[in-house]
C-alpha atoms as a PDB file:
ATOM      1  CA  MET A   1     -42.875  -7.538  10.093  1.00  0.00           C
ATOM      2  CA  ILE A   2     -42.271 -10.484   7.918  1.00  0.00           C
ATOM      3  CA  SER A   3     -43.752 -14.189   8.444  1.00  0.00           C
ATOM      4  CA  LEU A   4     -40.977 -16.188  10.142  1.00  0.00           C
ATOM      5  CA  GLU A   5     -42.729 -19.292   9.102  1.00  0.00           C
ATOM      6  CA  ASN A   6     -42.286 -18.193   5.313  1.00  0.00           C
ATOM      7  CA  GLU A   7     -39.005 -17.120   6.014  1.00  0.00           C
ATOM      8  CA  LEU A   8     -37.721 -20.520   6.983  1.00  0.00           C
ATOM      9  CA  LYS A   9     -39.681 -22.622   4.605  1.00  0.00           C
ATOM     10  CA  ASN A  10     -38.283 -20.334   1.532  1.00  0.00           C
ATOM     11  CA  ASN A  11     -34.845 -20.832   2.681  1.00  0.00           C
ATOM     12  CA  ALA A  12     -33.197 -24.109   2.566  1.00  0.00           C
ATOM     13  CA  TYR A  13     -30.023 -23.268   4.548  1.00  0.00           C
ATOM     14  CA  PRO A  14     -30.198 -20.481   6.786  1.00  0.00           C
ATOM     15  CA  GLY A  15     -27.596 -22.231   9.161  1.00  0.00           C
ATOM     16  CA  ARG A  16     -27.835 -21.266  12.675  1.00  0.00           C
ATOM     17  CA  GLY A  17     -30.331 -18.700  13.797  1.00  0.00           C
ATOM     18  CA  ILE A  18     -31.511 -16.714  17.005  1.00  0.00           C
ATOM     19  CA  VAL A  19     -34.856 -15.293  17.435  1.00  0.00           C
ATOM     20  CA  ILE A  20     -35.877 -13.023  20.422  1.00  0.00           C
ATOM     21  CA  GLY A  21     -38.734 -10.837  21.486  1.00  0.00           C
ATOM     22  CA  ARG A  22     -41.791 -10.531  23.635  1.00  0.00           C
ATOM     23  CA  SER A  23     -44.824 -12.504  23.257  1.00  0.00           C
ATOM     24  CA  ALA A  24     -48.066 -10.876  22.217  1.00  0.00           C
ATOM     25  CA  ASP A  25     -49.713 -10.841  25.740  1.00  0.00           C
ATOM     26  CA  GLY A  26     -46.504  -9.174  26.922  1.00  0.00           C
ATOM     27  CA  LYS A  27     -45.875 -11.362  29.721  1.00  0.00           C
ATOM     28  CA  HIS A  28     -42.882 -13.415  28.189  1.00  0.00           C
ATOM     29  CA  ALA A  29     -39.574 -12.695  27.098  1.00  0.00           C
ATOM     30  CA  VAL A  30     -38.987 -15.366  24.283  1.00  0.00           C
ATOM     31  CA  THR A  31     -35.807 -16.799  22.775  1.00  0.00           C
ATOM     32  CA  ALA A  32     -35.475 -19.538  20.102  1.00  0.00           C
ATOM     33  CA  TYR A  33     -31.850 -21.101  18.603  1.00  0.00           C
ATOM     34  CA  PHE A  34     -31.790 -23.570  16.124  1.00  0.00           C
ATOM     35  CA  ILE A  35     -28.781 -25.277  14.306  1.00  0.00           C
ATOM     36  CA  MET A  36     -28.682 -27.149  10.729  1.00  0.00           C
ATOM     37  CA  GLY A  37     -26.106 -28.904   9.044  1.00  0.00           C
ATOM     38  CA  ARG A  38     -25.069 -29.923   5.681  1.00  0.00           C
ATOM     39  CA  SER A  39     -21.902 -32.235   6.686  1.00  0.00           C
ATOM     40  CA  SER A  40     -22.405 -35.522   8.528  1.00  0.00           C
ATOM     41  CA  ASN A  41     -20.276 -34.202  11.429  1.00  0.00           C
ATOM     42  CA  SER A  42     -22.881 -31.017  11.925  1.00  0.00           C
ATOM     43  CA  ARG A  43     -25.844 -33.342  11.378  1.00  0.00           C
ATOM     44  CA  ASN A  44     -24.417 -35.687  14.195  1.00  0.00           C
ATOM     45  CA  ARG A  45     -25.535 -33.465  17.270  1.00  0.00           C
ATOM     46  CA  VAL A  46     -28.375 -33.179  19.846  1.00  0.00           C
ATOM     47  CA  PHE A  47     -28.857 -30.395  22.364  1.00  0.00           C
ATOM     48  CA  VAL A  48     -29.002 -31.509  26.027  1.00  0.00           C
ATOM     49  CA  THR A  49     -29.685 -29.401  29.069  1.00  0.00           C
ATOM     50  CA  GLU A  50     -26.466 -28.296  31.093  1.00  0.00           C
ATOM     51  CA  GLY A  51     -27.391 -26.118  34.086  1.00  0.00           C
ATOM     52  CA  GLU A  52     -30.061 -23.434  33.300  1.00  0.00           C
ATOM     53  CA  GLY A  53     -28.516 -23.661  29.747  1.00  0.00           C
ATOM     54  CA  ILE A  54     -27.928 -26.171  26.938  1.00  0.00           C
ATOM     55  CA  ARG A  55     -24.697 -27.775  25.098  1.00  0.00           C
ATOM     56  CA  THR A  56     -24.411 -29.383  21.825  1.00  0.00           C
ATOM     57  CA  GLU A  57     -23.122 -33.202  22.003  1.00  0.00           C
ATOM     58  CA  ALA A  58     -22.360 -35.603  19.552  1.00  0.00           C
ATOM     59  CA  PHE A  59     -25.595 -37.963  18.907  1.00  0.00           C
ATOM     60  CA  ASP A  60     -22.922 -40.880  17.990  1.00  0.00           C
ATOM     61  CA  PRO A  61     -19.547 -40.230  19.578  1.00  0.00           C
ATOM     62  CA  SER A  62     -18.051 -42.603  17.382  1.00  0.00           C
ATOM     63  CA  LEU A  63     -18.849 -40.441  14.096  1.00  0.00           C
ATOM     64  CA  LEU A  64     -17.426 -37.208  15.762  1.00  0.00           C
ATOM     65  CA  GLU A  65     -14.828 -35.699  13.768  1.00  0.00           C
ATOM     66  CA  ASP A  66     -13.521 -32.209  14.315  1.00  0.00           C
ATOM     67  CA  PRO A  67     -15.567 -30.851  17.588  1.00  0.00           C
ATOM     68  CA  SER A  68     -14.117 -27.198  17.523  1.00  0.00           C
ATOM     69  CA  LEU A  69     -16.763 -25.413  15.835  1.00  0.00           C
ATOM     70  CA  ILE A  70     -19.833 -27.670  16.532  1.00  0.00           C
ATOM     71  CA  ILE A  71     -19.540 -28.771  20.419  1.00  0.00           C
ATOM     72  CA  TYR A  72     -20.265 -25.725  22.374  1.00  0.00           C
ATOM     73  CA  ALA A  73     -22.736 -24.261  24.974  1.00  0.00           C
ATOM     74  CA  PRO A  74     -25.209 -22.140  22.835  1.00  0.00           C
ATOM     75  CA  VAL A  75     -27.303 -21.056  25.962  1.00  0.00           C
ATOM     76  CA  ARG A  76     -26.270 -19.917  29.312  1.00  0.00           C
ATOM     77  CA  VAL A  77     -27.419 -18.022  32.322  1.00  0.00           C
ATOM     78  CA  LEU A  78     -25.870 -15.355  34.308  1.00  0.00           C
ATOM     79  CA  GLY A  79     -28.391 -13.863  37.045  1.00  0.00           C
ATOM     80  CA  ASN A  80     -31.226 -12.363  35.281  1.00  0.00           C
ATOM     81  CA  GLU A  81     -29.590 -12.492  31.955  1.00  0.00           C
ATOM     82  CA  THR A  82     -29.964 -15.123  29.324  1.00  0.00           C
ATOM     83  CA  ILE A  83     -26.990 -15.477  26.907  1.00  0.00           C
ATOM     84  CA  VAL A  84     -27.902 -17.223  23.126  1.00  0.00           C
ATOM     85  CA  THR A  85     -25.010 -17.680  20.618  1.00  0.00           C
ATOM     86  CA  ASN A  86     -23.856 -19.796  17.866  1.00  0.00           C
ATOM     87  CA  GLY A  87     -20.539 -20.855  19.289  1.00  0.00           C
ATOM     88  CA  ASP A  88     -18.397 -20.670  22.151  1.00  0.00           C
ATOM     89  CA  GLN A  89     -18.665 -16.792  22.223  1.00  0.00           C
ATOM     90  CA  THR A  90     -21.547 -17.765  24.744  1.00  0.00           C
ATOM     91  CA  ASP A  91     -18.644 -18.357  27.419  1.00  0.00           C
ATOM     92  CA  THR A  92     -16.940 -15.153  26.155  1.00  0.00           C
ATOM     93  CA  VAL A  93     -19.957 -13.059  26.857  1.00  0.00           C
ATOM     94  CA  PHE A  94     -20.301 -14.942  30.030  1.00  0.00           C
ATOM     95  CA  ASP A  95     -17.078 -14.213  31.585  1.00  0.00           C
ATOM     96  CA  GLY A  96     -17.133 -10.756  29.956  1.00  0.00           C
ATOM     97  CA  ARG A  97     -20.493  -9.865  31.806  1.00  0.00           C
ATOM     98  CA  LYS A  98     -19.350 -11.266  35.158  1.00  0.00           C
ATOM     99  CA  GLU A  99     -16.344  -8.880  34.959  1.00  0.00           C
ATOM    100  CA  GLY A 100     -18.477  -5.819  34.322  1.00  0.00           C
ATOM    101  CA  LEU A 101     -17.948  -5.703  30.440  1.00  0.00           C
ATOM    102  CA  THR A 102     -21.186  -4.831  28.307  1.00  0.00           C
ATOM    103  CA  PHE A 103     -22.513  -7.123  25.886  1.00  0.00           C
ATOM    104  CA  GLU A 104     -20.755  -5.356  22.929  1.00  0.00           C
ATOM    105  CA  GLN A 105     -17.443  -5.210  24.797  1.00  0.00           C
ATOM    106  CA  SER A 106     -17.329  -8.744  25.920  1.00  0.00           C
ATOM    107  CA  LEU A 107     -17.392  -9.583  21.800  1.00  0.00           C
ATOM    108  CA  ARG A 108     -14.468  -7.450  20.857  1.00  0.00           C
ATOM    109  CA  SER A 109     -12.323 -10.242  21.565  1.00  0.00           C
ATOM    110  CA  ARG A 110     -13.820 -12.410  19.084  1.00  0.00           C
ATOM    111  CA  GLU A 111     -14.711 -12.489  15.149  1.00  0.00           C
ATOM    112  CA  PHE A 112     -16.165 -14.657  12.715  1.00  0.00           C
ATOM    113  CA  GLU A 113     -15.452 -18.481  12.622  1.00  0.00           C
ATOM    114  CA  PRO A 114     -11.997 -19.481  10.899  1.00  0.00           C
ATOM    115  CA  ASP A 115     -13.888 -21.875   8.559  1.00  0.00           C
ATOM    116  CA  GLY A 116     -13.002 -20.435   4.978  1.00  0.00           C
ATOM    117  CA  PRO A 117     -14.247 -19.700   2.737  1.00  0.00           C
ATOM    118  CA  ASN A 118     -17.625 -19.577   4.552  1.00  0.00           C
ATOM    119  CA  PHE A 119     -16.174 -17.428   7.442  1.00  0.00           C
ATOM    120  CA  THR A 120     -19.352 -18.219   9.185  1.00  0.00           C
ATOM    121  CA  PRO A 121     -20.692 -15.024  11.090  1.00  0.00           C
ATOM    122  CA  ARG A 122     -20.848 -15.263  15.018  1.00  0.00           C
ATOM    123  CA  ILE A 123     -24.318 -14.378  15.992  1.00  0.00           C
ATOM    124  CA  SER A 124     -25.204 -13.602  19.425  1.00  0.00           C
ATOM    125  CA  GLY A 125     -28.149 -12.667  21.891  1.00  0.00           C
ATOM    126  CA  LEU A 126     -28.674 -11.136  25.292  1.00  0.00           C
ATOM    127  CA  LEU A 127     -32.010 -10.931  27.069  1.00  0.00           C
ATOM    128  CA  HIS A 128     -32.203  -8.823  30.303  1.00  0.00           C
ATOM    129  CA  VAL A 129     -35.002  -9.657  32.529  1.00  0.00           C
ATOM    130  CA  GLU A 130     -35.212  -7.739  35.716  1.00  0.00           C
ATOM    131  CA  ASP A 131     -38.003  -6.146  38.044  1.00  0.00           C
ATOM    132  CA  GLY A 132     -40.952  -6.600  35.681  1.00  0.00           C
ATOM    133  CA  ALA A 133     -38.504  -5.039  32.612  1.00  0.00           C
ATOM    134  CA  PHE A 134     -37.124  -6.695  29.823  1.00  0.00           C
ATOM    135  CA  ASP A 135     -34.737  -5.470  26.988  1.00  0.00           C
ATOM    136  CA  TYR A 136     -32.367  -7.329  24.812  1.00  0.00           C
ATOM    137  CA  SER A 137     -29.279  -6.944  22.466  1.00  0.00           C
ATOM    138  CA  MET A 138     -28.305  -9.025  19.207  1.00  0.00           C
ATOM    139  CA  SER A 139     -24.967  -8.926  17.755  1.00  0.00           C
ATOM    140  CA  ILE A 140     -23.337 -10.218  14.274  1.00  0.00           C
ATOM    141  CA  LEU A 141     -19.524 -10.320  13.785  1.00  0.00           C
ATOM    142  CA  LYS A 142     -18.823 -11.283   9.801  1.00  0.00           C
ATOM    143  CA  SER A 143     -16.207 -10.902   7.275  1.00  0.00           C
ATOM    144  CA  ASN A 144     -16.192  -8.007   5.007  1.00  0.00           C
ATOM    145  CA  ASP A 145     -18.209  -9.521   2.421  1.00  0.00           C
ATOM    146  CA  GLY A 146     -15.919 -12.666   2.386  1.00  0.00           C
ATOM    147  CA  ASP A 147     -12.634 -10.783   2.940  1.00  0.00           C
ATOM    148  CA  PRO A 148     -11.262 -12.165   6.258  1.00  0.00           C
ATOM    149  CA  SER A 149      -8.695  -9.346   6.604  1.00  0.00           C
ATOM    150  CA  CYS A 150     -11.560  -7.164   8.085  1.00  0.00           C
ATOM    151  CA  CYS A 151     -14.368  -8.144  10.766  1.00  0.00           C
ATOM    152  CA  ASN A 152     -17.367  -5.985  10.708  1.00  0.00           C
ATOM    153  CA  ARG A 153     -19.101  -5.784  13.945  1.00  0.00           C
ATOM    154  CA  TYR A 154     -22.793  -5.049  14.234  1.00  0.00           C
ATOM    155  CA  THR A 155     -24.932  -4.629  17.531  1.00  0.00           C
ATOM    156  CA  PHE A 156     -28.426  -3.992  17.750  1.00  0.00           C
ATOM    157  CA  THR A 157     -30.092  -2.928  21.039  1.00  0.00           C
ATOM    158  CA  TYR A 158     -33.996  -3.319  21.779  1.00  0.00           C
ATOM    159  CA  ASP A 159     -34.663  -1.405  25.272  1.00  0.00           C
ATOM    160  CA  LYS A 160     -38.355  -1.551  25.144  1.00  0.00           C
ATOM    161  CA  PRO A 161     -39.561  -4.494  23.161  1.00  0.00           C
ATOM    162  CA  ILE A 162     -43.183  -4.396  21.885  1.00  0.00           C
ATOM    163  CA  ALA A 163     -45.459  -6.970  23.000  1.00  0.00           C
ATOM    164  CA  GLY A 164     -45.823  -9.543  19.837  1.00  0.00           C
ATOM    165  CA  GLN A 165     -42.740  -8.447  17.926  1.00  0.00           C
ATOM    166  CA  GLY A 166     -39.114  -9.924  17.938  1.00  0.00           C
ATOM    167  CA  HIS A 167     -36.222 -10.170  15.685  1.00  0.00           C
ATOM    168  CA  PHE A 168     -34.436 -12.968  13.996  1.00  0.00           C
ATOM    169  CA  ILE A 169     -30.831 -12.973  12.839  1.00  0.00           C
ATOM    170  CA  HIS A 170     -29.301 -16.040  11.265  1.00  0.00           C
ATOM    171  CA  THR A 171     -25.574 -16.938   9.623  1.00  0.00           C
ATOM    172  CA  TYR A 172     -26.356 -17.327   5.926  1.00  0.00           C
ATOM    173  CA  MET A 173     -28.376 -15.693   3.323  1.00  0.00           C
ATOM    174  CA  HIS A 174     -29.086 -18.917   1.877  1.00  0.00           C
ATOM    175  CA  ASP A 175     -27.296 -22.215   0.643  1.00  0.00           C
ATOM    176  CA  GLY A 176     -24.173 -21.625  -1.679  1.00  0.00           C
ATOM    177  CA  ASN A 177     -20.680 -22.174  -2.096  1.00  0.00           C
ATOM    178  CA  PRO A 178     -19.312 -20.448  -0.287  1.00  0.00           C
ATOM    179  CA  LEU A 179     -22.131 -19.674   1.912  1.00  0.00           C
ATOM    180  CA  PRO A 180     -23.152 -16.014   1.863  1.00  0.00           C
ATOM    181  CA  SER A 181     -23.284 -14.300   5.143  1.00  0.00           C
ATOM    182  CA  PHE A 182     -26.539 -12.667   6.553  1.00  0.00           C
ATOM    183  CA  CYS A 183     -26.509  -9.000   5.657  1.00  0.00           C
ATOM    184  CA  GLY A 184     -28.777  -6.186   6.920  1.00  0.00           C
ATOM    185  CA  GLU A 185     -30.620  -5.752  10.342  1.00  0.00           C
ATOM    186  CA  PRO A 186     -32.286  -8.439  12.061  1.00  0.00           C
ATOM    187  CA  LYS A 187     -35.666  -9.129  10.704  1.00  0.00           C
ATOM    188  CA  LYS A 188     -38.934  -7.992  12.733  1.00  0.00           C
ATOM    189  CA  VAL A 189     -41.036 -11.143  13.104  1.00  0.00           C
ATOM    190  CA  GLU A 190     -44.205 -12.081  15.012  1.00  0.00           C
ATOM    191  CA  ILE A 191     -43.891 -13.608  18.561  1.00  0.00           C
ATOM    192  CA  PRO A 192     -47.095 -15.593  19.872  1.00  0.00           C
ATOM    193  CA  ASP A 193     -47.951 -16.406  23.253  1.00  0.00           C
ATOM    194  CA  ASP A 194     -47.944 -20.284  23.018  1.00  0.00           C
ATOM    195  CA  MET A 195     -44.391 -21.881  23.241  1.00  0.00           C
ATOM    196  CA  GLU A 196     -45.655 -25.042  22.012  1.00  0.00           C
ATOM    197  CA  SER A 197     -47.225 -23.902  19.043  1.00  0.00           C
ATOM    198  CA  PHE A 198     -44.192 -21.308  18.180  1.00  0.00           C
ATOM    199  CA  ALA A 199     -41.765 -24.318  18.613  1.00  0.00           C
ATOM    200  CA  SER A 200     -43.793 -26.540  16.343  1.00  0.00           C
ATOM    201  CA  MET A 201     -43.848 -23.794  13.705  1.00  0.00           C
ATOM    202  CA  LEU A 202     -40.475 -23.515  13.876  1.00  0.00           C
ATOM    203  CA  TRP A 203     -39.513 -27.082  13.528  1.00  0.00           C
ATOM    204  CA  ASP A 204     -41.842 -27.799  10.887  1.00  0.00           C
ATOM    205  CA  SER A 205     -40.757 -24.575   8.814  1.00  0.00           C
ATOM    206  CA  LEU A 206     -37.037 -25.744   8.701  1.00  0.00           C
ATOM    207  CA  ASN A 207     -35.619 -27.729   5.966  1.00  0.00           C
ATOM    208  CA  GLU A 208     -36.421 -31.334   6.626  1.00  0.00           C
ATOM    209  CA  GLU A 209     -32.982 -32.582   5.131  1.00  0.00           C
ATOM    210  CA  ASN A 210     -30.722 -29.922   6.935  1.00  0.00           C
ATOM    211  CA  LYS A 211     -32.389 -29.110  10.402  1.00  0.00           C
ATOM    212  CA  VAL A 212     -30.689 -30.776  13.359  1.00  0.00           C
ATOM    213  CA  SER A 213     -31.948 -29.263  16.860  1.00  0.00           C
ATOM    214  CA  LEU A 214     -34.082 -26.592  18.000  1.00  0.00           C
ATOM    215  CA  PHE A 215     -34.504 -24.666  21.561  1.00  0.00           C
ATOM    216  CA  VAL A 216     -37.115 -22.315  22.720  1.00  0.00           C
ATOM    217  CA  ARG A 217     -37.624 -20.847  26.016  1.00  0.00           C
ATOM    218  CA  TYR A 218     -40.347 -18.468  27.526  1.00  0.00           C
ATOM    219  CA  ILE A 219     -39.214 -16.545  30.363  1.00  0.00           C
ATOM    220  CA  ASP A 220     -41.709 -14.711  32.743  1.00  0.00           C
ATOM    221  CA  ILE A 221     -41.182 -11.380  32.831  1.00  0.00           C
ATOM    222  CA  ALA A 222     -42.750 -10.695  36.225  1.00  0.00           C
ATOM    223  CA  THR A 223     -41.218 -13.729  38.011  1.00  0.00           C
ATOM    224  CA  GLY A 224     -38.045 -14.792  36.111  1.00  0.00           C
ATOM    225  CA  ALA A 225     -39.427 -18.332  35.902  1.00  0.00           C
ATOM    226  CA  TYR A 226     -39.049 -19.927  32.730  1.00  0.00           C
ATOM    227  CA  GLU A 227     -40.270 -22.804  30.355  1.00  0.00           C
ATOM    228  CA  THR A 228     -38.138 -24.484  27.767  1.00  0.00           C
ATOM    229  CA  LYS A 229     -38.556 -26.888  24.785  1.00  0.00           C
ATOM    230  CA  ILE A 230     -35.916 -28.806  23.102  1.00  0.00           C
ATOM    231  CA  ILE A 231     -36.528 -30.553  19.618  1.00  0.00           C
ATOM    232  CA  ASN A 232     -33.880 -32.862  18.243  1.00  0.00           C
ATOM    233  CA  LYS A 233     -33.859 -34.338  14.820  1.00  0.00           C
ATOM    234  CA  ASN A 234     -31.523 -37.446  16.094  1.00  0.00           C
ATOM    235  CA  LYS A 235     -33.451 -39.626  18.716  1.00  0.00           C
END
């Protein structure tokens, strides 16, 4: 298990990241999603609540350039499932699950983002909380070492999450030109009990210049009730 705090502090540009796991007391399913940006267009965003999920919005609409890859719903809820992704594939998973497709099947129609030469990976997560039980899945769709002629698809499932443990996946290994895609399995990280301190640690550990917004949610596994924390750099 690595220190998520150190992992973030030592990486100026992990891009967008998803954390999913179980709180140390075993009572909560936990997820976090953050976005970062290097361009003025990417940095001109905030998270806003939309239904039981969230959506990105332009902080200053007059400065919005290309909205295609930066305006989307990162989080949506379908019954006892919470979907978290870094793009409009949130809707793809939402629609697929409604039609009875699995998480993995839903994502087969998608691939990495068309933003060469970076070809940003699409990362996704699904939390399933039902009858006092919790499991989750994570996915990454990425180019073949920067070659867009092939999409590499990886799905990781965790059917009995251990209390105090979670996993972290992000889009880029570090800053660069082009940006190198994440590789390997999601990183095992510690998940604490307190949402406020967890959110503060994540936000304070992200690079000050590049961080944009953070979403954290703790879901009571026994009841399905949840608490949410949103932090936006733009205010």
